[in-house]
């Protein structure tokens, strides 16, 4: 699943460093007490897109709430397309 955070990335980075955000996310993952993996986040000019492996949208939203991360949309990834998908490699 991926989540799209609604606050501008630049504003978020002004308030917290990348290290602080990552540390907070990891601490919350440990607190959840359920299988949960934060894979990585992609920062654009106005949003942060986070990739998580979790059993439910509710768990992702709980991670965001406990970490103080804004969250707007949660989307379940149905398929992955990459260069290997082409069968040319």
N, C-alpha and C. Protein backbone atom coordinates (compact mmCIF):
# COMPACT_ATOMS: atom_id res chain seq x y z
N UNK A 1 0.84 -1.17 0.00
CA UNK A 1 0.00 0.00 0.00
C UNK A 1 0.89 1.23 0.00
N UNK A 2 0.39 2.31 -0.51
CA UNK A 2 1.12 3.55 -0.44
C UNK A 2 0.21 4.61 0.14
N UNK A 3 0.78 5.59 0.76
CA UNK A 3 -0.01 6.69 1.28
C UNK A 3 0.52 7.98 0.68
N UNK A 4 -0.37 8.92 0.55
CA UNK A 4 0.02 10.22 0.03
C UNK A 4 -0.25 11.22 1.14
N UNK A 5 0.79 11.85 1.62
CA UNK A 5 0.65 12.83 2.67
C UNK A 5 0.29 14.16 2.05
N UNK A 6 -0.62 14.88 2.70
CA UNK A 6 -1.18 16.06 2.08
C UNK A 6 -0.42 17.35 2.37
N UNK A 7 0.45 17.37 3.35
CA UNK A 7 1.16 18.61 3.64
C UNK A 7 2.33 18.76 2.68
N UNK A 8 2.67 19.98 2.30
CA UNK A 8 3.80 20.18 1.39
C UNK A 8 5.09 19.63 1.96
N UNK A 9 5.84 18.96 1.12
CA UNK A 9 7.10 18.34 1.56
C UNK A 9 8.07 19.39 2.08
N UNK A 10 8.13 20.53 1.43
CA UNK A 10 9.07 21.56 1.88
C UNK A 10 8.71 22.05 3.28
N UNK A 11 7.43 22.22 3.55
CA UNK A 11 7.00 22.66 4.88
C UNK A 11 7.33 21.60 5.91
N UNK A 12 7.09 20.34 5.58
CA UNK A 12 7.39 19.25 6.50
C UNK A 12 8.88 19.20 6.79
N UNK A 13 9.71 19.36 5.75
CA UNK A 13 11.15 19.27 5.96
C UNK A 13 11.67 20.45 6.76
N UNK A 14 10.99 21.58 6.69
CA UNK A 14 11.39 22.72 7.52
C UNK A 14 11.12 22.43 8.99
N UNK A 15 10.03 21.73 9.26
CA UNK A 15 9.68 21.44 10.66
C UNK A 15 10.50 20.30 11.23
N UNK A 16 10.79 19.33 10.42
CA UNK A 16 11.53 18.16 10.89
C UNK A 16 12.54 17.76 9.83
N UNK A 17 13.67 17.33 10.27
CA UNK A 17 14.67 16.83 9.33
C UNK A 17 14.27 15.43 8.87
N UNK A 18 14.85 15.00 7.78
CA UNK A 18 14.59 13.64 7.29
C UNK A 18 14.93 12.61 8.34
N UNK A 19 16.01 12.84 9.06
CA UNK A 19 16.42 11.90 10.10
C UNK A 19 15.37 11.82 11.20
N UNK A 20 14.83 12.95 11.61
CA UNK A 20 13.81 12.97 12.67
C UNK A 20 12.53 12.26 12.21
N UNK A 21 12.14 12.50 10.97
CA UNK A 21 10.94 11.86 10.44
C UNK A 21 11.14 10.35 10.38
N UNK A 22 12.29 9.91 9.88
CA UNK A 22 12.58 8.47 9.78
C UNK A 22 12.61 7.83 11.16
N UNK A 23 13.24 8.50 12.10
CA UNK A 23 13.33 7.96 13.46
C UNK A 23 11.93 7.82 14.07
N UNK A 24 11.10 8.86 13.91
CA UNK A 24 9.74 8.81 14.45
C UNK A 24 8.95 7.68 13.82
N UNK A 25 9.09 7.50 12.51
CA UNK A 25 8.37 6.43 11.83
C UNK A 25 8.80 5.07 12.35
N UNK A 26 10.10 4.86 12.49
CA UNK A 26 10.60 3.57 13.00
C UNK A 26 10.14 3.31 14.43
N UNK A 27 10.13 4.34 15.26
CA UNK A 27 9.67 4.18 16.64
C UNK A 27 8.20 3.78 16.68
N UNK A 28 7.38 4.40 15.83
CA UNK A 28 5.97 4.06 15.78
C UNK A 28 5.77 2.63 15.30
N UNK A 29 6.54 2.21 14.30
CA UNK A 29 6.44 0.83 13.80
C UNK A 29 6.65 -0.15 14.96
N UNK A 30 7.62 0.13 15.81
CA UNK A 30 7.89 -0.73 16.97
C UNK A 30 6.72 -0.73 17.96
N UNK A 31 6.04 0.40 18.08
CA UNK A 31 4.92 0.53 19.02
C UNK A 31 3.66 -0.20 18.55
N UNK A 32 3.51 -0.36 17.24
CA UNK A 32 2.26 -0.89 16.70
C UNK A 32 1.96 -2.31 17.18
N UNK A 33 2.99 -3.12 17.37
CA UNK A 33 2.77 -4.47 17.85
C UNK A 33 2.13 -5.40 16.83
N UNK A 34 2.15 -5.01 15.58
CA UNK A 34 1.60 -5.83 14.50
C UNK A 34 2.59 -5.82 13.35
N UNK A 35 2.50 -6.81 12.46
CA UNK A 35 3.40 -6.80 11.30
C UNK A 35 3.21 -5.52 10.48
N UNK A 36 4.29 -4.79 10.30
CA UNK A 36 4.21 -3.50 9.60
C UNK A 36 5.61 -3.16 9.10
N UNK A 37 5.69 -2.78 7.85
CA UNK A 37 6.99 -2.41 7.28
C UNK A 37 6.86 -1.10 6.53
N UNK A 38 7.62 -0.11 6.96
CA UNK A 38 7.75 1.12 6.19
C UNK A 38 8.92 0.87 5.26
N UNK A 39 8.68 0.90 3.96
CA UNK A 39 9.71 0.57 2.98
C UNK A 39 10.55 1.81 2.66
N UNK A 40 9.91 2.86 2.20
CA UNK A 40 10.61 4.11 1.88
C UNK A 40 9.59 5.19 1.56
N UNK A 41 10.07 6.41 1.46
CA UNK A 41 9.22 7.54 1.10
C UNK A 41 9.88 8.33 -0.01
N UNK A 42 9.05 8.88 -0.88
CA UNK A 42 9.52 9.69 -2.00
C UNK A 42 9.05 11.12 -1.77
N UNK A 43 9.97 12.07 -1.79
CA UNK A 43 9.66 13.46 -1.51
C UNK A 43 9.64 14.24 -2.83
N UNK A 44 8.52 14.94 -3.07
CA UNK A 44 8.41 15.83 -4.22
C UNK A 44 8.34 17.26 -3.70
N UNK A 45 8.11 18.20 -4.59
CA UNK A 45 8.02 19.59 -4.16
C UNK A 45 6.86 19.85 -3.22
N UNK A 46 5.76 19.11 -3.39
CA UNK A 46 4.59 19.42 -2.60
C UNK A 46 3.96 18.25 -1.85
N UNK A 47 4.54 17.06 -1.96
CA UNK A 47 3.97 15.90 -1.26
C UNK A 47 5.06 14.91 -0.89
N UNK A 48 4.71 13.99 0.01
CA UNK A 48 5.57 12.87 0.35
C UNK A 48 4.75 11.61 0.10
N UNK A 49 5.29 10.69 -0.70
CA UNK A 49 4.63 9.42 -0.99
C UNK A 49 5.38 8.33 -0.24
N UNK A 50 4.64 7.58 0.58
CA UNK A 50 5.26 6.56 1.43
C UNK A 50 4.79 5.17 1.01
N UNK A 51 5.72 4.24 0.99
CA UNK A 51 5.41 2.86 0.66
C UNK A 51 5.48 2.04 1.95
N UNK A 52 4.40 1.35 2.23
CA UNK A 52 4.29 0.53 3.44
C UNK A 52 3.79 -0.86 3.06
N UNK A 53 4.16 -1.84 3.85
CA UNK A 53 3.53 -3.15 3.79
C UNK A 53 2.81 -3.32 5.12
N UNK A 54 1.49 -3.40 5.04
CA UNK A 54 0.68 -3.48 6.26
C UNK A 54 -0.57 -4.30 5.95
N UNK A 55 -1.18 -4.80 7.01
CA UNK A 55 -2.35 -5.66 6.81
C UNK A 55 -3.63 -4.89 6.53
N UNK A 56 -3.64 -3.57 6.79
CA UNK A 56 -4.87 -2.82 6.55
C UNK A 56 -4.59 -1.32 6.42
N UNK A 57 -5.55 -0.65 5.82
CA UNK A 57 -5.50 0.81 5.74
C UNK A 57 -5.54 1.42 7.14
N UNK A 58 -6.34 0.82 8.00
CA UNK A 58 -6.47 1.34 9.37
C UNK A 58 -5.11 1.34 10.09
N UNK A 59 -4.31 0.32 9.85
CA UNK A 59 -3.00 0.25 10.50
C UNK A 59 -2.07 1.34 9.95
N UNK A 60 -2.15 1.61 8.67
CA UNK A 60 -1.35 2.69 8.08
C UNK A 60 -1.79 4.03 8.67
N UNK A 61 -3.09 4.22 8.81
CA UNK A 61 -3.59 5.47 9.39
C UNK A 61 -3.19 5.60 10.86
N UNK A 62 -3.15 4.49 11.58
CA UNK A 62 -2.70 4.51 12.98
C UNK A 62 -1.22 4.89 13.06
N UNK A 63 -0.41 4.36 12.15
CA UNK A 63 1.00 4.72 12.07
C UNK A 63 1.14 6.23 11.87
N UNK A 64 0.36 6.77 10.95
CA UNK A 64 0.40 8.21 10.68
C UNK A 64 -0.03 9.01 11.91
N UNK A 65 -1.10 8.58 12.55
CA UNK A 65 -1.61 9.30 13.72
C UNK A 65 -0.59 9.32 14.85
N UNK A 66 -0.03 8.15 15.16
CA UNK A 66 0.94 8.06 16.25
C UNK A 66 2.22 8.83 15.95
N UNK A 67 2.60 8.89 14.68
CA UNK A 67 3.82 9.59 14.30
C UNK A 67 3.62 11.08 14.05
N UNK A 68 2.36 11.51 14.04
CA UNK A 68 2.07 12.91 13.77
C UNK A 68 2.27 13.27 12.30
N UNK A 69 2.10 12.27 11.43
CA UNK A 69 2.26 12.48 10.00
C UNK A 69 0.90 12.76 9.37
N UNK A 70 0.79 13.81 8.57
CA UNK A 70 -0.47 14.03 7.86
C UNK A 70 -0.66 12.94 6.82
N UNK A 71 -1.89 12.51 6.64
CA UNK A 71 -2.18 11.49 5.64
C UNK A 71 -3.50 11.86 4.98
N UNK A 72 -3.51 11.78 3.67
CA UNK A 72 -4.69 12.15 2.92
C UNK A 72 -5.32 10.94 2.23
N UNK A 73 -4.49 10.16 1.57
CA UNK A 73 -4.98 9.05 0.76
C UNK A 73 -4.16 7.80 1.03
N UNK A 74 -4.83 6.66 1.11
CA UNK A 74 -4.16 5.37 1.18
C UNK A 74 -4.65 4.56 -0.01
N UNK A 75 -3.72 4.05 -0.81
CA UNK A 75 -4.07 3.26 -1.99
C UNK A 75 -3.37 1.92 -1.93
N UNK A 76 -4.11 0.86 -2.19
CA UNK A 76 -3.51 -0.47 -2.23
C UNK A 76 -2.87 -0.69 -3.59
N UNK A 77 -1.63 -1.13 -3.58
CA UNK A 77 -0.92 -1.43 -4.83
C UNK A 77 -1.40 -2.79 -5.32
N UNK A 78 -1.90 -2.84 -6.54
CA UNK A 78 -2.44 -4.07 -7.12
C UNK A 78 -1.42 -4.82 -7.97
N UNK A 79 -0.43 -4.09 -8.50
CA UNK A 79 0.59 -4.72 -9.34
C UNK A 79 1.81 -3.81 -9.39
N UNK A 80 2.95 -4.41 -9.70
CA UNK A 80 4.19 -3.67 -9.87
C UNK A 80 4.65 -3.88 -11.30
N UNK A 81 4.98 -2.79 -11.97
CA UNK A 81 5.51 -2.85 -13.33
C UNK A 81 6.91 -2.27 -13.29
N UNK A 82 7.86 -3.01 -13.82
CA UNK A 82 9.25 -2.56 -13.85
C UNK A 82 9.91 -3.11 -15.12
N UNK A 83 11.19 -2.86 -15.34
CA UNK A 83 11.84 -3.34 -16.56
C UNK A 83 11.71 -4.85 -16.76
N UNK A 84 11.68 -5.62 -15.69
CA UNK A 84 11.56 -7.07 -15.83
C UNK A 84 10.19 -7.46 -16.42
N UNK A 85 9.19 -6.63 -16.25
CA UNK A 85 7.86 -6.89 -16.78
C UNK A 85 7.88 -7.02 -18.31
N UNK A 86 8.81 -6.33 -18.95
CA UNK A 86 8.89 -6.32 -20.41
C UNK A 86 9.32 -7.66 -21.00
N UNK A 87 9.90 -8.52 -20.18
CA UNK A 87 10.46 -9.80 -20.64
C UNK A 87 11.57 -9.61 -21.67
N UNK A 88 12.14 -8.43 -21.73
CA UNK A 88 13.24 -8.17 -22.66
C UNK A 88 14.60 -8.35 -21.99
N UNK A 89 14.61 -8.39 -20.70
CA UNK A 89 15.88 -8.50 -19.98
C UNK A 89 16.22 -9.93 -19.66
